Amino acid sequence: MFPSQFAPALFGLILSGLMSLLVSGISTYRAVGLEAHFAGLWASAWLMAWLIAFPVVLVVAPLTRKAVGLLTRQG
């Protein structure tokens, strides 16, 4: 188990991993179809996307929380 102070980073790690996995899979399928080397291409695309997505999520998440707070009623 991780200490609670790691919750935002762990959330970002898991969310960015799952979203980049899904989007890269769809993009790879649309680009090459179900070729024999599809899995390798997808894994390569996913890892590159995740390397970019994780730090972006860590930076953008607080801004997004703030925007949501401004766009919704509190209380």
C-alpha atoms as a PDB file:
ATOM      1  CA  MET A   1       0.000   0.000   0.000  1.00  0.00           C
ATOM      2  CA  PHE A   2       1.051   3.549  -0.736  1.00  0.00           C
ATOM      3  CA  PRO A   3       0.734   6.450   1.694  1.00  0.00           C
ATOM      4  CA  SER A   4      -2.234   8.722   0.929  1.00  0.00           C
ATOM      5  CA  GLN A   5      -0.028  11.609  -0.216  1.00  0.00           C
ATOM      6  CA  PHE A   6       0.762   9.547  -3.337  1.00  0.00           C
ATOM      7  CA  ALA A   7      -2.930   9.267  -4.295  1.00  0.00           C
ATOM      8  CA  PRO A   8      -2.937  12.069  -6.923  1.00  0.00           C
ATOM      9  CA  ALA A   9       0.180  10.735  -8.670  1.00  0.00           C
ATOM     10  CA  LEU A  10      -1.078   7.142  -8.536  1.00  0.00           C
ATOM     11  CA  PHE A  11      -4.453   8.247  -9.905  1.00  0.00           C
ATOM     12  CA  GLY A  12      -2.657  10.056 -12.747  1.00  0.00           C
ATOM     13  CA  LEU A  13      -0.456   7.041 -13.453  1.00  0.00           C
ATOM     14  CA  ILE A  14      -3.399   4.652 -13.697  1.00  0.00           C
ATOM     15  CA  LEU A  15      -5.688   7.032 -15.605  1.00  0.00           C
ATOM     16  CA  SER A  16      -3.024   8.040 -18.124  1.00  0.00           C
ATOM     17  CA  GLY A  17      -2.029   4.399 -18.593  1.00  0.00           C
ATOM     18  CA  LEU A  18      -5.561   3.222 -19.298  1.00  0.00           C
ATOM     19  CA  MET A  19      -6.501   6.142 -21.532  1.00  0.00           C
ATOM     20  CA  SER A  20      -3.289   5.974 -23.560  1.00  0.00           C
ATOM     21  CA  LEU A  21      -3.739   2.194 -23.904  1.00  0.00           C
ATOM     22  CA  LEU A  22      -7.258   2.648 -25.276  1.00  0.00           C
ATOM     23  CA  VAL A  23      -6.495   5.554 -27.615  1.00  0.00           C
ATOM     24  CA  SER A  24      -3.272   4.050 -28.960  1.00  0.00           C
ATOM     25  CA  GLY A  25      -5.049   0.738 -29.589  1.00  0.00           C
ATOM     26  CA  ILE A  26      -7.814   2.409 -31.574  1.00  0.00           C
ATOM     27  CA  SER A  27      -5.336   4.573 -33.492  1.00  0.00           C
ATOM     28  CA  THR A  28      -3.042   1.647 -34.268  1.00  0.00           C
ATOM     29  CA  TYR A  29      -5.983  -0.471 -35.439  1.00  0.00           C
ATOM     30  CA  ARG A  30      -7.228   2.319 -37.688  1.00  0.00           C
ATOM     31  CA  ALA A  31      -3.759   2.869 -39.120  1.00  0.00           C
ATOM     32  CA  VAL A  32      -2.704  -0.731 -39.846  1.00  0.00           C
ATOM     33  CA  GLY A  33      -5.672  -3.014 -39.131  1.00  0.00           C
ATOM     34  CA  LEU A  34      -5.211  -6.402 -37.503  1.00  0.00           C
ATOM     35  CA  GLU A  35      -1.821  -7.114 -39.044  1.00  0.00           C
ATOM     36  CA  ALA A  36       0.400  -9.886 -37.718  1.00  0.00           C
ATOM     37  CA  HIS A  37       2.584  -7.290 -35.979  1.00  0.00           C
ATOM     38  CA  PHE A  38      -0.365  -5.311 -34.533  1.00  0.00           C
ATOM     39  CA  ALA A  39       0.417  -6.157 -30.892  1.00  0.00           C
ATOM     40  CA  GLY A  40       4.019  -4.961 -31.169  1.00  0.00           C
ATOM     41  CA  LEU A  41       3.014  -1.746 -32.918  1.00  0.00           C
ATOM     42  CA  TRP A  42       0.313  -1.117 -30.311  1.00  0.00           C
ATOM     43  CA  ALA A  43       2.681  -1.738 -27.399  1.00  0.00           C
ATOM     44  CA  SER A  44       5.255   0.617 -28.885  1.00  0.00           C
ATOM     45  CA  ALA A  45       2.658   3.336 -29.525  1.00  0.00           C
ATOM     46  CA  TRP A  46       1.185   2.877 -26.049  1.00  0.00           C
ATOM     47  CA  LEU A  47       4.500   3.203 -24.228  1.00  0.00           C
ATOM     48  CA  MET A  48       5.388   6.369 -26.131  1.00  0.00           C
ATOM     49  CA  ALA A  49       1.932   7.823 -25.496  1.00  0.00           C
ATOM     50  CA  TRP A  50       2.081   6.929 -21.792  1.00  0.00           C
ATOM     51  CA  LEU A  51       5.494   8.563 -21.409  1.00  0.00           C
ATOM     52  CA  ILE A  52       3.896  11.791 -22.622  1.00  0.00           C
ATOM     53  CA  ALA A  53       0.436  11.379 -21.055  1.00  0.00           C
ATOM     54  CA  PHE A  54       1.519  10.791 -17.457  1.00  0.00           C
ATOM     55  CA  PRO A  55       3.431  14.058 -16.927  1.00  0.00           C
ATOM     56  CA  VAL A  56       0.746  15.958 -18.837  1.00  0.00           C
ATOM     57  CA  VAL A  57      -1.950  14.543 -16.538  1.00  0.00           C
ATOM     58  CA  LEU A  58       0.044  15.566 -13.478  1.00  0.00           C
ATOM     59  CA  VAL A  59       0.260  19.146 -14.759  1.00  0.00           C
ATOM     60  CA  VAL A  60      -3.252  19.442 -16.213  1.00  0.00           C
ATOM     61  CA  ALA A  61      -5.245  17.724 -13.426  1.00  0.00           C
ATOM     62  CA  PRO A  62      -5.034  20.637 -10.937  1.00  0.00           C
ATOM     63  CA  LEU A  63      -6.022  23.095 -13.672  1.00  0.00           C
ATOM     64  CA  THR A  64      -8.930  20.873 -14.652  1.00  0.00           C
ATOM     65  CA  ARG A  65     -10.087  20.616 -11.017  1.00  0.00           C
ATOM     66  CA  LYS A  66     -10.012  24.397 -10.782  1.00  0.00           C
ATOM     67  CA  ALA A  67     -11.983  24.793 -14.036  1.00  0.00           C
ATOM     68  CA  VAL A  68     -14.584  22.283 -12.862  1.00  0.00           C
ATOM     69  CA  GLY A  69     -14.888  24.183  -9.583  1.00  0.00           C
ATOM     70  CA  LEU A  70     -15.528  27.402 -11.490  1.00  0.00           C
ATOM     71  CA  LEU A  71     -18.104  25.762 -13.745  1.00  0.00           C
ATOM     72  CA  THR A  72     -20.116  24.050 -11.021  1.00  0.00           C
ATOM     73  CA  ARG A  73     -22.007  25.193  -7.967  1.00  0.00           C
ATOM     74  CA  GLN A  74     -20.352  24.422  -4.675  1.00  0.00           C
ATOM     75  CA  GLY A  75     -22.412  23.222  -1.726  1.00  0.00           C
END
